Protein backbone atom coordinates (compact mmCIF):
# COMPACT_ATOMS: atom_id res chain seq x y z
CA MET A 1 108.02 126.79 -28.81
CA LYS A 2 106.66 130.11 -28.95
CA LYS A 3 109.25 132.62 -30.07
CA MET A 4 110.72 134.77 -27.69
CA SER A 5 109.06 138.46 -27.60
CA ASN A 6 110.90 141.99 -27.33
CA PRO A 7 112.11 142.55 -23.42
CA LYS A 8 109.40 144.79 -21.90
CA ILE A 9 112.01 147.19 -20.77
CA GLY A 10 112.21 150.19 -23.23
CA PHE A 11 109.47 148.53 -25.21
CA THR A 12 105.50 148.58 -25.40
CA ARG A 13 103.88 145.36 -24.84
CA LEU A 14 101.96 144.13 -27.48
CA GLY A 15 98.95 142.19 -26.99
CA THR A 16 98.61 144.41 -23.46
CA LEU A 17 97.88 147.51 -25.18
CA LEU A 18 94.40 148.38 -27.40
CA VAL A 19 94.01 151.49 -29.48
CA VAL A 20 91.01 153.46 -27.98
CA SER A 21 90.18 155.85 -30.63
CA LEU A 22 91.93 155.15 -34.08
CA LEU A 23 91.75 157.54 -36.66
CA THR A 24 90.49 155.46 -39.67
CA ALA A 25 88.80 157.79 -41.93
CA PHE A 26 91.89 158.34 -44.23
CA THR A 27 94.65 156.15 -44.85
CA SER A 28 98.08 156.10 -43.16
CA CYS A 29 100.22 153.08 -43.92
CA ASN A 30 103.88 151.54 -44.41
CA LYS A 31 104.35 151.14 -48.17
CA ALA A 32 106.21 148.35 -48.98
CA ASN A 33 109.02 147.92 -51.23
CA ASP A 34 109.18 150.27 -54.33
CA ALA A 35 106.18 152.13 -52.87
CA GLN A 36 105.18 155.51 -54.39
CA LEU A 37 102.51 157.91 -53.54
CA VAL A 38 99.56 157.79 -56.12
CA SER A 39 98.97 161.22 -56.94
CA SER A 40 96.01 163.09 -58.87
CA GLU A 41 97.97 162.79 -62.21
CA SER A 42 96.99 159.01 -62.74
CA SER A 43 93.31 160.14 -63.07
CA GLU A 44 91.91 159.83 -66.45
CA GLY A 45 91.27 163.33 -68.14
CA VAL A 46 93.56 165.18 -65.54
CA VAL A 47 96.16 167.28 -67.10
CA ALA A 48 99.51 166.06 -65.58
CA GLN A 49 100.98 168.86 -63.76
CA LYS A 50 104.86 169.29 -62.78
CA PRO A 51 105.12 167.82 -59.06
CA LYS A 52 106.73 170.73 -56.55
CA VAL A 53 107.16 170.72 -53.09
CA LEU A 54 107.18 173.58 -50.62
CA PHE A 55 108.81 172.17 -47.18
CA ILE A 56 108.25 174.97 -44.14
CA VAL A 57 110.06 174.22 -40.87
CA VAL A 58 109.23 176.17 -37.68
CA ASP A 59 111.17 175.56 -34.74
CA GLY A 60 109.77 175.41 -31.37
CA ALA A 61 106.31 175.82 -32.52
CA VAL A 62 104.05 174.01 -29.74
CA GLY A 63 101.29 172.44 -31.40
CA SER A 64 98.80 173.11 -28.75
CA GLU A 65 100.08 176.70 -28.41
CA VAL A 66 99.90 177.57 -32.10
CA ARG A 67 96.36 176.13 -32.34
CA THR A 68 95.36 178.55 -29.46
CA ILE A 69 96.91 181.47 -31.35
CA ALA A 70 95.35 180.96 -34.41
CA PRO A 71 97.63 182.45 -36.79
CA PRO A 72 95.45 183.13 -40.11
CA ASN A 73 97.44 181.65 -42.85
CA LEU A 74 98.16 178.34 -41.03
CA MET A 75 94.30 178.25 -40.25
CA GLN A 76 93.35 178.91 -44.21
CA LEU A 77 95.62 175.68 -44.99
CA ALA A 78 93.26 173.51 -42.89
CA SER A 79 90.45 173.51 -45.74
CA HIS A 80 92.29 171.42 -47.84
CA SER A 81 95.30 169.70 -45.88
CA ILE A 82 95.95 166.42 -44.01
CA TYR A 83 96.90 168.23 -40.16
CA SER A 84 97.32 167.80 -36.75
CA TRP A 85 97.95 170.11 -33.84
CA GLU A 86 98.99 167.05 -31.88
CA SER A 87 101.61 165.72 -34.65
CA LEU A 88 104.89 164.14 -32.86
CA THR A 89 108.54 164.73 -33.16
CA ASN A 90 108.73 160.79 -32.43
CA PHE A 91 107.39 158.90 -29.62
CA GLU A 92 110.42 157.97 -27.72
CA ASN A 93 111.18 159.10 -24.29
CA ASN A 94 114.36 160.88 -25.29
CA ASP A 95 116.06 164.12 -25.50
CA VAL A 96 114.46 166.63 -28.03
CA THR A 97 116.84 169.11 -29.65
CA ASN A 98 116.93 170.85 -32.58
CA ALA A 99 119.57 168.88 -33.90
CA SER A 100 117.75 165.82 -33.66
CA THR A 101 114.42 166.87 -34.84
CA TRP A 102 116.01 168.96 -37.86
CA THR A 103 117.90 165.49 -38.82
CA THR A 104 114.78 163.37 -38.24
CA LEU A 105 112.62 165.54 -40.59
CA LEU A 106 115.06 165.39 -43.16
CA THR A 107 116.38 162.00 -43.01
CA GLY A 108 112.93 160.05 -42.53
CA VAL A 109 114.66 158.07 -39.55
CA ASN A 110 114.57 158.47 -35.91
CA ASN A 111 117.61 159.41 -33.90
CA SER A 112 118.33 155.60 -32.74
CA LYS A 113 119.54 155.42 -36.63
CA HIS A 114 120.86 158.89 -37.44
CA ASN A 115 122.68 159.23 -34.48
CA VAL A 116 122.25 162.89 -33.82
CA THR A 117 121.06 164.08 -30.42
CA THR A 118 122.78 167.27 -30.14
CA ASN A 119 125.85 167.32 -32.82
CA LEU A 120 124.95 167.37 -36.41
CA ALA A 121 128.31 166.29 -36.74
CA THR A 122 127.50 162.86 -35.55
CA ALA A 123 124.91 162.40 -38.35
CA ASN A 124 125.27 158.85 -40.28
CA LEU A 125 124.36 160.24 -43.25
CA ASN A 126 126.01 157.61 -45.45
CA ALA A 127 123.53 155.06 -44.30
CA TYR A 128 120.41 157.47 -44.04
CA PRO A 129 120.97 160.10 -46.43
CA THR A 130 118.83 163.54 -46.35
CA VAL A 131 115.97 163.95 -48.49
CA PHE A 132 118.14 166.55 -50.70
CA SER A 133 120.49 163.81 -51.58
CA LYS A 134 118.05 161.20 -52.08
CA LEU A 135 115.99 163.40 -54.51
CA LYS A 136 119.24 164.39 -56.64
CA SER A 137 120.50 160.76 -56.83
CA LEU A 138 117.29 159.46 -58.02
CA GLN A 139 116.47 162.23 -60.21
CA PRO A 140 119.74 164.50 -60.96
CA GLY A 141 118.00 167.37 -62.89
CA LEU A 142 115.89 168.26 -59.81
CA ARG A 143 116.62 171.76 -58.66
CA VAL A 144 116.68 171.26 -54.80
CA VAL A 145 116.88 174.34 -52.94
CA ALA A 146 117.69 174.50 -49.24
CA LEU A 147 117.37 177.98 -47.43
CA THR A 148 117.92 178.14 -43.40
CA SER A 149 117.65 180.55 -40.71
CA SER A 150 120.05 178.09 -38.74
CA ASN A 151 123.64 177.73 -40.49
CA ASP A 152 124.12 174.36 -38.71
CA ILE A 153 121.73 173.20 -41.15
CA LYS A 154 123.31 174.46 -44.41
CA ASN A 155 126.71 173.51 -42.71
CA SER A 156 125.81 169.43 -42.00
CA LEU A 157 122.57 168.58 -43.59
CA ALA A 158 122.16 170.43 -46.81
CA GLY A 159 125.22 169.21 -48.68
CA GLY A 160 123.07 167.41 -51.27
CA ALA A 161 120.74 170.39 -52.26
CA THR A 162 121.53 171.83 -55.47
CA VAL A 163 121.41 175.02 -53.69
CA SER A 164 121.88 175.86 -49.94
CA THR A 165 122.27 179.14 -47.85
CA GLY A 166 122.16 180.08 -44.17
CA TYR A 167 121.21 183.02 -43.05
CA ASN A 168 122.47 183.19 -39.28
CA ASN A 169 119.33 183.19 -37.21
CA ASP A 170 117.55 186.08 -39.60
CA ASP A 171 113.99 184.79 -40.58
CA ALA A 172 113.28 187.85 -42.39
CA ALA A 173 116.41 187.28 -44.63
CA THR A 174 115.70 183.48 -45.13
CA LYS A 175 111.99 184.08 -46.09
CA ASN A 176 113.13 187.09 -48.69
CA ALA A 177 115.87 184.49 -50.40
CA ALA A 178 112.61 182.10 -50.56
CA VAL A 179 110.19 184.56 -52.02
CA ASN A 180 113.10 185.29 -54.36
CA GLU A 181 113.78 182.05 -55.42
CA LEU A 182 109.97 181.35 -56.36
CA LYS A 183 109.94 184.38 -58.46
CA ALA A 184 113.25 184.23 -60.28
CA ASN A 185 114.00 180.52 -60.70
CA ASN A 186 112.31 177.16 -61.15
CA PRO A 187 112.94 175.12 -57.85
CA ASP A 188 111.52 171.50 -57.72
CA MET A 189 111.65 171.48 -54.01
CA LEU A 190 112.35 174.40 -51.71
CA PHE A 191 113.17 173.64 -47.88
CA VAL A 192 112.61 176.68 -45.70
CA GLN A 193 113.71 176.55 -42.25
CA LEU A 194 112.68 179.32 -39.69
CA HIS A 195 113.82 179.67 -36.10
CA SER A 196 112.45 183.09 -34.50
CA VAL A 197 109.77 181.31 -32.84
CA ASP A 198 112.09 178.65 -30.75
CA ALA A 199 114.18 181.63 -29.94
CA ALA A 200 111.22 183.39 -28.69
CA GLY A 201 109.91 180.47 -26.53
CA SER A 202 113.54 180.02 -25.10
CA GLY A 203 114.11 183.29 -24.12
CA SER A 204 110.33 183.81 -22.47
CA SER A 205 108.11 180.82 -22.49
CA TYR A 206 106.38 178.09 -25.38
CA SER A 207 103.05 179.80 -24.29
CA ASN A 208 100.32 181.40 -26.02
CA THR A 209 100.23 183.54 -22.97
CA SER A 210 103.45 184.91 -23.57
CA ALA A 211 103.43 188.06 -25.47
CA THR A 212 106.84 187.55 -27.01
CA TYR A 213 105.94 183.82 -27.98
CA LYS A 214 102.60 185.12 -29.46
CA ALA A 215 104.40 187.96 -31.64
CA ALA A 216 107.06 185.35 -33.19
CA VAL A 217 104.36 182.91 -33.97
CA LEU A 218 102.27 185.43 -35.74
CA GLN A 219 105.21 187.29 -37.46
CA VAL A 220 106.12 183.74 -38.90
CA ASP A 221 102.79 183.00 -40.01
CA THR A 222 102.82 186.62 -42.10
CA TYR A 223 105.94 184.84 -43.45
CA ILE A 224 104.03 181.69 -44.68
CA GLY A 225 101.86 183.94 -46.05
CA GLU A 226 103.89 185.34 -48.14
CA LEU A 227 105.61 182.25 -49.40
CA LEU A 228 102.18 180.71 -50.27
CA ALA A 229 101.69 183.95 -52.37
CA ALA A 230 104.65 183.91 -54.10
CA VAL A 231 103.95 180.16 -54.93
CA GLN A 232 100.62 180.90 -56.01
CA GLY A 233 101.90 183.87 -58.20
CA ARG A 234 104.40 181.79 -60.29
CA ALA A 235 103.92 182.16 -64.00
CA ASP A 236 103.38 178.80 -64.40
CA TYR A 237 101.40 177.90 -61.27
CA ILE A 238 98.62 176.30 -63.28
CA ASN A 239 100.61 173.60 -64.66
CA GLU A 240 102.47 172.83 -61.25
CA ASN A 241 101.04 170.75 -58.58
CA TRP A 242 102.75 171.85 -55.48
CA LEU A 243 102.48 169.96 -52.07
CA ILE A 244 103.11 172.48 -49.50
CA ILE A 245 104.36 170.85 -45.91
CA VAL A 246 104.41 173.37 -42.80
CA THR A 247 105.35 171.75 -39.53
CA SER A 248 107.33 172.58 -36.51
CA ASN A 249 110.53 170.56 -35.77
CA LYS A 250 109.74 170.43 -32.11
CA GLY A 251 107.83 171.78 -29.58
CA ASP A 252 109.25 173.39 -26.02
CA ASN A 253 112.47 172.44 -24.32
CA ILE A 254 111.03 171.89 -20.76
CA PRO A 255 111.68 168.35 -19.45
CA TYR A 256 108.33 166.57 -18.86
CA VAL A 257 107.94 164.22 -15.35
CA PRO A 258 104.42 162.59 -15.29
CA VAL A 259 102.93 162.57 -12.03
CA GLY A 260 100.40 159.65 -11.46
CA LYS A 261 100.41 158.06 -14.84
CA ALA A 262 102.86 156.66 -17.44
CA TRP A 263 105.06 158.81 -19.93
CA SER A 264 103.34 159.56 -23.05
CA ALA A 265 104.74 161.57 -26.01
CA PHE A 266 100.98 163.24 -26.61
CA ASP A 267 101.60 164.45 -22.94
CA ASP A 268 105.21 165.65 -23.49
CA LYS A 269 105.14 169.47 -24.94
CA ARG A 270 108.62 168.73 -26.20
CA HIS A 271 106.95 166.29 -28.48
CA ASN A 272 104.05 168.43 -29.60
CA THR A 273 104.25 169.50 -32.96
CA PHE A 274 101.80 170.64 -35.69
CA THR A 275 101.77 169.15 -39.47
CA PHE A 276 100.06 170.60 -42.74
CA TYR A 277 100.10 168.52 -45.79
CA TYR A 278 98.53 171.21 -48.02
CA ASN A 279 97.12 171.00 -51.80
CA PRO A 280 94.09 172.64 -53.00
CA ARG A 281 92.94 169.57 -54.14
CA PHE A 282 93.23 167.59 -50.81
CA ILE A 283 90.45 166.83 -48.73
CA ALA A 284 90.57 168.14 -45.27
CA LYS A 285 91.32 165.66 -42.58
CA SER A 286 92.48 166.40 -39.27
CA THR A 287 93.94 164.11 -37.13
CA SER A 288 94.41 164.23 -33.26
CA LYS A 289 95.36 162.19 -30.41
CA PRO A 290 93.11 159.49 -28.76
CA VAL A 291 90.83 160.60 -26.39
CA GLY A 292 89.77 158.45 -23.47
CA ILE A 293 91.74 155.92 -20.94
CA LEU A 294 93.63 153.29 -22.73
CA PRO A 295 92.58 149.59 -21.56
CA TYR A 296 94.84 147.36 -19.36
CA ALA A 297 94.76 143.92 -20.83
CA GLY A 298 96.33 140.58 -21.06
CA VAL A 299 96.32 136.86 -20.05
CA THR A 300 97.36 135.82 -16.78
CA PRO A 301 97.44 132.80 -14.40
CA SER A 302 94.11 131.76 -12.46
CA TYR A 303 94.96 131.29 -8.65
CA ILE A 304 92.45 128.32 -8.32
CA VAL A 305 92.76 126.70 -4.74
CA SER A 306 91.21 123.22 -4.05
CA GLY A 307 89.71 122.52 -0.65
CA GLY A 308 90.73 125.92 1.04
CA THR A 309 94.09 125.17 2.21
CA ALA A 310 95.31 122.75 -0.36
CA PRO A 311 98.15 123.68 -2.32
CA ALA A 312 96.72 122.79 -5.73
CA ASN A 313 96.85 126.15 -7.29
CA ASN A 314 97.81 127.71 -10.39
CA GLY A 315 100.69 129.36 -8.82
CA GLY A 316 104.12 130.63 -10.34
CA VAL A 317 107.42 129.63 -8.97
CA VAL A 318 110.76 130.98 -9.52
CA PRO A 319 113.38 128.75 -7.96
CA ALA A 320 115.84 129.70 -5.63
CA SER A 321 118.52 127.65 -7.41
CA LYS A 322 117.85 130.21 -10.35
CA LEU A 323 117.55 133.47 -8.25
CA GLY A 324 121.05 132.95 -6.47
CA THR A 325 121.67 135.70 -4.08
CA LEU A 326 119.45 138.20 -6.27
CA MET A 327 116.86 138.58 -3.68
CA ASP A 328 119.13 137.95 -0.24
CA PHE A 329 118.55 141.11 1.48
CA GLY A 330 121.18 141.41 4.33
CA SER A 331 121.63 143.56 7.43
CA GLY A 332 121.04 147.37 6.77
CA SER A 333 119.72 146.74 3.17
CA GLU A 334 117.02 148.66 1.25
CA PHE A 335 114.67 146.97 -1.08
CA THR A 336 111.10 147.22 -2.62
CA MET A 337 108.54 144.80 -3.77
CA GLN A 338 105.32 145.54 -5.47
CA CYS A 339 102.44 144.25 -7.76
CA LYS A 340 99.01 145.00 -9.15
CA VAL A 341 95.98 143.17 -7.89
CA LYS A 342 92.30 142.70 -8.36
CA VAL A 343 90.75 141.25 -5.47
CA PRO A 344 87.13 139.77 -5.35
CA ALA A 345 85.10 141.57 -2.60
CA GLY A 346 85.00 139.66 0.48
CA SER A 347 86.47 139.38 4.02
CA TYR A 348 89.43 137.35 4.11
CA SER A 349 91.53 135.08 6.70
CA TYR A 350 95.48 135.71 5.92
CA PRO A 351 96.18 133.92 2.69
CA SER A 352 99.46 135.06 1.22
CA PHE A 353 99.68 135.48 -2.09
CA ILE A 354 103.35 136.86 -3.41
CA GLY A 355 106.46 136.56 -1.84
CA LYS A 356 110.09 134.62 -0.67
CA ARG A 357 109.25 132.81 2.40
CA GLU A 358 108.47 129.27 2.62
CA ASN A 359 105.42 129.55 4.69
CA PHE A 360 103.21 132.01 6.61
CA SER A 361 103.46 131.28 10.37
CA ASP A 362 105.13 133.19 13.18
CA GLY A 363 105.32 130.04 14.97
CA THR A 364 107.42 128.43 12.57
CA ARG A 365 110.22 130.48 12.07
CA ARG A 366 110.77 130.90 8.11
CA PRO A 367 112.63 134.01 7.04
CA GLY A 368 111.64 135.98 4.16
CA PHE A 369 108.87 138.73 3.19
CA LEU A 370 105.51 138.16 1.69
CA PHE A 371 102.15 139.89 1.09
CA PHE A 372 98.98 138.83 2.47
CA LEU A 373 95.13 139.31 2.89
CA GLU A 374 93.52 140.34 6.23
CA GLY A 375 89.92 141.18 6.32
CA ASN A 376 89.34 143.68 3.54
CA TYR A 377 93.02 144.76 3.92
CA TRP A 378 96.40 143.76 2.49
CA GLY A 379 99.69 143.59 4.26
CA ALA A 380 103.17 143.09 4.18
CA ASN A 381 104.98 140.59 6.57
CA TYR A 382 108.73 140.31 6.91
CA MET A 383 110.01 137.82 8.94
CA PRO A 384 114.07 138.24 10.09
CA ASP A 385 116.23 135.53 9.95
CA VAL A 386 117.33 136.12 13.86
CA THR A 387 115.27 133.84 16.08
CA SER A 388 115.21 136.29 19.03
CA ILE A 389 113.56 138.99 16.83
CA GLY A 390 109.35 138.79 15.64
CA ARG A 391 107.78 139.55 12.52
CA ARG A 392 107.54 143.12 11.11
CA GLN A 393 104.30 143.74 9.78
CA ALA A 394 102.47 146.61 8.20
CA LEU A 395 98.91 146.76 7.19
CA GLY A 396 97.76 148.85 3.90
CA THR A 397 94.12 149.91 3.05
CA GLN A 398 91.35 148.17 1.88
CA ILE A 399 91.57 146.50 -1.54
CA SER A 400 89.00 143.52 -1.65
CA ASP A 401 86.36 145.75 -3.75
CA GLY A 402 86.84 143.97 -7.18
CA GLN A 403 89.15 146.87 -8.18
CA TRP A 404 92.62 146.83 -9.45
CA HIS A 405 95.17 148.57 -7.08
CA THR A 406 99.02 148.83 -6.73
CA LEU A 407 100.71 147.37 -3.53
CA THR A 408 104.15 148.79 -2.64
CA ALA A 409 106.02 147.55 0.44
CA VAL A 410 109.23 149.57 0.67
CA VAL A 411 112.43 148.96 3.10
CA ARG A 412 114.36 151.92 3.94
CA ILE A 413 116.21 153.74 6.03
CA GLU A 414 114.72 157.21 7.28
CA ALA A 415 116.65 159.65 9.48
CA GLY A 416 118.76 156.63 10.64
CA GLN A 417 115.92 154.44 11.25
CA ARG A 418 115.13 151.53 9.07
CA LYS A 419 111.49 151.04 8.25
CA LEU A 420 109.00 148.90 6.62
CA VAL A 421 106.43 151.42 4.66
CA VAL A 422 103.44 150.25 2.84
CA PHE A 423 101.96 152.36 -0.16
CA THR A 424 98.56 151.52 -1.83
CA ASP A 425 97.89 153.10 -5.09
CA GLY A 426 100.96 155.19 -4.65
CA VAL A 427 99.52 156.75 -1.30
CA ARG A 428 101.87 156.09 1.57
CA GLY A 429 100.26 154.30 4.49
CA ASN A 430 101.28 152.55 7.71
CA ALA A 431 105.32 152.00 8.55
CA THR A 432 106.87 149.54 10.99
CA ASN A 433 110.18 149.94 12.69
CA MET A 434 113.17 147.30 11.79
CA ASN A 435 116.07 146.91 13.44
CA MET A 436 119.34 147.91 11.15
CA THR A 437 120.88 144.26 11.60
CA ASP A 438 117.56 142.62 10.75
CA SER A 439 118.50 140.18 7.52
CA TYR A 440 115.75 139.27 5.06
CA ILE A 441 117.80 136.17 3.48
CA SER A 442 115.20 133.20 2.26
CA PRO A 443 116.57 130.11 0.97
CA THR A 444 112.91 129.18 -0.58
CA ASP A 445 111.67 129.99 -3.96
CA PHE A 446 109.95 133.19 -5.12
CA THR A 447 106.40 132.21 -5.50
CA THR A 448 102.77 133.81 -6.29
CA GLY A 449 99.73 132.22 -5.13
CA TRP A 450 99.00 130.39 -2.22
CA ARG A 451 101.85 129.03 0.26
CA PRO A 452 101.79 126.65 3.13
CA GLU A 453 100.40 127.51 6.70
CA SER A 454 98.11 130.17 5.02
CA ASN A 455 94.67 130.31 5.88
CA GLY A 456 91.71 130.91 3.67
CA GLY A 457 93.50 129.42 0.76
CA SER A 458 90.43 129.49 -1.41
CA ALA A 459 90.15 133.36 -1.15
CA LEU A 460 92.83 133.62 -4.03
CA ASN A 461 89.98 131.96 -6.60
CA GLY A 462 89.20 134.83 -8.94
CA MET A 463 92.43 137.11 -7.80
CA ILE A 464 94.41 138.44 -10.22
CA ILE A 465 98.15 139.21 -9.92
CA THR A 466 100.42 141.20 -12.41
CA ASP A 467 103.06 143.91 -12.95
CA ILE A 468 105.22 142.16 -9.82
CA ARG A 469 108.51 143.68 -9.28
CA VAL A 470 111.41 143.42 -6.90
CA TYR A 471 114.17 145.98 -6.64
CA LYS A 472 117.24 146.04 -4.68
CA THR A 473 116.75 149.48 -3.78
CA ALA A 474 114.42 151.59 -1.69
CA LEU A 475 112.08 153.65 -4.15
CA SER A 476 111.12 156.92 -2.84
CA ASP A 477 107.80 158.57 -2.04
CA ILE A 478 107.70 160.61 -4.71
CA TYR A 479 108.96 158.05 -7.26
CA VAL A 480 106.06 155.63 -5.91
CA ASN A 481 103.51 158.05 -6.05
CA ASN A 482 104.58 159.28 -9.56
CA ASN A 483 104.87 155.58 -11.11
CA TYR A 484 102.59 153.32 -9.28
CA CYS A 485 99.80 153.12 -12.18
CA SER A 486 102.68 152.29 -14.78
CA VAL A 487 103.05 148.75 -15.90
CA GLU A 488 106.50 149.56 -17.72
CA ALA A 489 110.10 149.78 -16.75
CA SER A 490 111.38 152.45 -18.91
CA ALA A 491 114.87 151.67 -20.39
CA THR A 492 115.75 155.66 -19.15
CA ASP A 493 114.32 155.22 -15.51
CA THR A 494 117.14 154.96 -13.42
CA ALA A 495 115.06 152.33 -10.98
CA THR A 496 114.93 150.02 -13.96
CA ALA A 497 118.42 149.24 -13.43
CA LYS A 498 117.87 148.00 -9.87
CA LEU A 499 115.21 145.57 -10.77
CA VAL A 500 116.45 142.10 -9.41
CA GLY A 501 112.66 140.78 -10.80
CA PHE A 502 110.27 142.08 -13.39
CA TRP A 503 107.19 139.76 -14.07
CA PRO A 504 104.28 142.09 -16.06
CA SER A 505 102.28 138.83 -15.92
CA THR A 506 100.14 139.88 -19.03
CA GLU A 507 101.54 137.25 -21.49
CA ILE A 508 101.85 133.39 -20.83
CA GLU A 509 104.41 131.75 -22.77
CA THR A 510 104.60 128.00 -23.30
CA ASP A 511 106.54 125.32 -25.35
CA GLY A 512 103.42 122.91 -25.09
CA THR A 513 104.42 121.13 -22.03
CA SER A 514 104.90 123.73 -19.53
CA ASN A 515 104.03 127.40 -19.14
CA TRP A 516 105.95 130.28 -17.94
CA LEU A 517 106.17 134.36 -17.20
CA ARG A 518 108.89 135.99 -18.71
CA ASP A 519 111.22 138.11 -16.56
CA TYR A 520 112.06 141.20 -18.17
CA SER A 521 114.39 142.48 -15.39
CA GLY A 522 117.46 141.33 -17.39
CA ASN A 523 117.98 138.69 -15.16
CA ASN A 524 116.18 136.07 -17.02
CA ASN A 525 114.39 134.13 -14.22
CA ASN A 526 111.32 133.26 -16.04
CA MET A 527 108.41 132.22 -13.68
CA ASN A 528 107.31 128.58 -14.01
CA LEU A 529 103.37 128.22 -13.64
CA LYS A 530 101.82 125.25 -11.98
CA GLY A 531 98.83 123.92 -14.12
CA SER A 532 97.24 125.69 -17.21
CA SER A 533 94.25 127.82 -15.86
CA GLN A 534 94.37 131.25 -17.19
CA ILE A 535 92.20 134.73 -16.91
CA SER A 536 92.04 136.99 -19.83
CA PHE A 537 91.11 140.87 -19.08
CA THR A 538 90.60 144.00 -20.81
CA GLU A 539 89.78 146.78 -18.64
CA THR A 540 90.01 150.24 -18.14
CA THR A 541 90.83 152.04 -14.71
CA THR A 542 92.24 155.22 -13.72
CA ARG A 543 94.51 153.34 -11.45
CA ILE A 544 96.64 151.73 -14.22
CA CYS A 545 98.16 153.67 -17.32
CA PRO A 546 99.38 151.53 -20.19
CA PRO A 547 101.75 152.98 -22.31
CA VAL A 548 100.20 154.30 -25.73
CA SER A 549 101.30 151.82 -28.39
CA PRO A 550 103.51 152.66 -31.69
CA ALA A 551 100.24 151.93 -33.82
CA THR A 552 98.43 154.96 -31.85
CA TYR A 553 101.12 157.20 -31.94
CA LYS A 554 101.22 156.95 -35.99
CA THR A 555 97.55 157.90 -36.26
CA VAL A 556 99.14 161.55 -36.10
CA PRO A 557 101.98 162.73 -38.13
CA ASN A 558 105.42 161.97 -37.20
CA ASN A 559 108.27 163.97 -38.25
CA VAL A 560 109.68 160.79 -40.02
CA ASP A 561 106.68 160.90 -42.25
CA ALA A 562 107.64 163.91 -44.20
CA PHE A 563 110.84 162.25 -46.22
CA PRO A 564 108.63 159.56 -47.60
CA LEU A 565 105.70 161.95 -48.55
CA VAL A 566 108.26 163.98 -50.53
CA LEU A 567 109.44 161.29 -52.52
CA GLY A 568 106.31 159.95 -53.07
CA TRP A 569 104.99 163.52 -54.43
CA PHE A 570 107.59 163.18 -56.86
CA LYS A 571 106.38 159.67 -58.03
CA LEU A 572 109.86 158.32 -56.94
CA PRO A 573 109.93 154.56 -55.65
CA ILE A 574 110.75 154.16 -52.03
CA SER A 575 112.54 151.05 -50.85
CA SER A 576 112.17 149.08 -47.97
CA ALA A 577 116.11 148.78 -48.06
CA TRP A 578 116.19 152.11 -46.86
CA ASN A 579 114.74 151.23 -43.55
CA LEU A 580 113.07 154.49 -43.33
CA ASP A 581 110.56 154.89 -40.18
CA GLY A 582 108.00 156.99 -41.67
CA ASN A 583 104.25 156.39 -42.97
CA MET A 584 103.08 157.27 -46.26
CA TRP A 585 100.12 159.50 -45.95
CA VAL A 586 97.76 159.09 -48.62
CA PRO A 587 95.39 162.27 -49.38
CA SER A 588 91.96 162.10 -50.68
CA TYR A 589 91.09 164.34 -53.51
CA ASN A 590 87.87 166.59 -53.95
CA ASP A 591 87.48 166.43 -57.72
CA ILE A 592 88.12 162.49 -58.49
CA ALA A 593 87.07 159.47 -57.05
CA ASN A 594 89.09 158.18 -54.25
């Protein structure tokens, strides 16, 4: 039997997403057990230099805004850096706080592991120690110094450092202490955290058009220049090999709600950081987010119909005995059905293709609900289980054009009137009134494909049906418009909890005898498939917005990547047992063969 894949709720669908523009000119990889960064010192004829690290964190510096401001010292680093103006805190749609991002930078794991959202006291440092503690445990003789503008870091995260001092939100004092450390002492790793940019953004706006924010960015850039000069002015600089990390911990603090597309960390400025990994011998390499529309891809049933009206198709069935009362929508209830379709061009004579209703006939009363095609249009046809009441029907727009469309039908109460409202690609269309007492409880199976008493059944040949959802709630107009193109059901989305059925229908599972589509609503009502005909598709369209895959997000630096890079620079082994989340960025050198 095929191994069960991860639930689609809260996860990206593997096999559905492809990377459009991967940045493969240099290597970023997850190192195996006991991995370490191979530095330039291993090259024959090169005099070994002592590894050193200066790690500077600028709170609240939005990568895209800082790039527009173009602070001179940062810009000069680009000529010998692996860098990005589109790097990320992480790629999960979660709360972004200073506490969580500081901890991620210093532990090499995301907050699902280190357990910090807003309170540093919750940090799971026993399981995931900071880079300070890890360096000292692996090489006790190292001088590891943490100088922070925010006292919270000093008090909660810097306990493993040789020396740690907080300066109560005084960036100038923090910088001065760091310059003095470089001049008077011999640090192996110096961590410097500056907070004034985040304070300026929070007090005005995180924008290059804000005079306050821009001034704060430029001021911190002068501090960075002084720190770089202090490194280069060290008496033994020629015998030292400095890795300079300069990054922001997070972007702005404005919650991001996408409109008409799926959420992406690349679009959420809370996640947008900048990152520089600098050494004077690095070959410059810029990394950026992928360009273009991500493809919608997968394998789904082929709805082949023989003889026009015969039910010998490749439809899907969820038995009523499994569903129980999940799709029983009684008097006054509100509910939603939605799917994505690709219908070949043509004019159609009432074939139904999805729903929970035994047949499609007004003459023979069978209660329930379904979607159907009429001419070039689609429609929703709902039959109550009261014999004295006729069908409720609303037509959507034309969709038989060989293009992808999202079809949504919502039963809701508006201003005391119960209605059936249809939407095509998120745009509200026709509505029809229902009685408040109408009940839509059907004893039959939930099916995709042709059903009895549908005309023109052969019209389903070549039709694709995916992303099938039934909600036990009425989705709002705004929600439908904002989310129609999505192919995920996020665990953080309140509507997800109302799903009674969710079949993405982009991956057919099998045990060698039978095939099915997995239900990712949490109710485990997998859809059994008739036959074995399948359609593979890979298409790009503005009407469908698959989420970005983890592999794509990792083509730019993430906060978790700093930890392994620091340890690798000291040529310390990195064990898989540590369960780190970061990538090891491997530089190319300008003076040796790579």
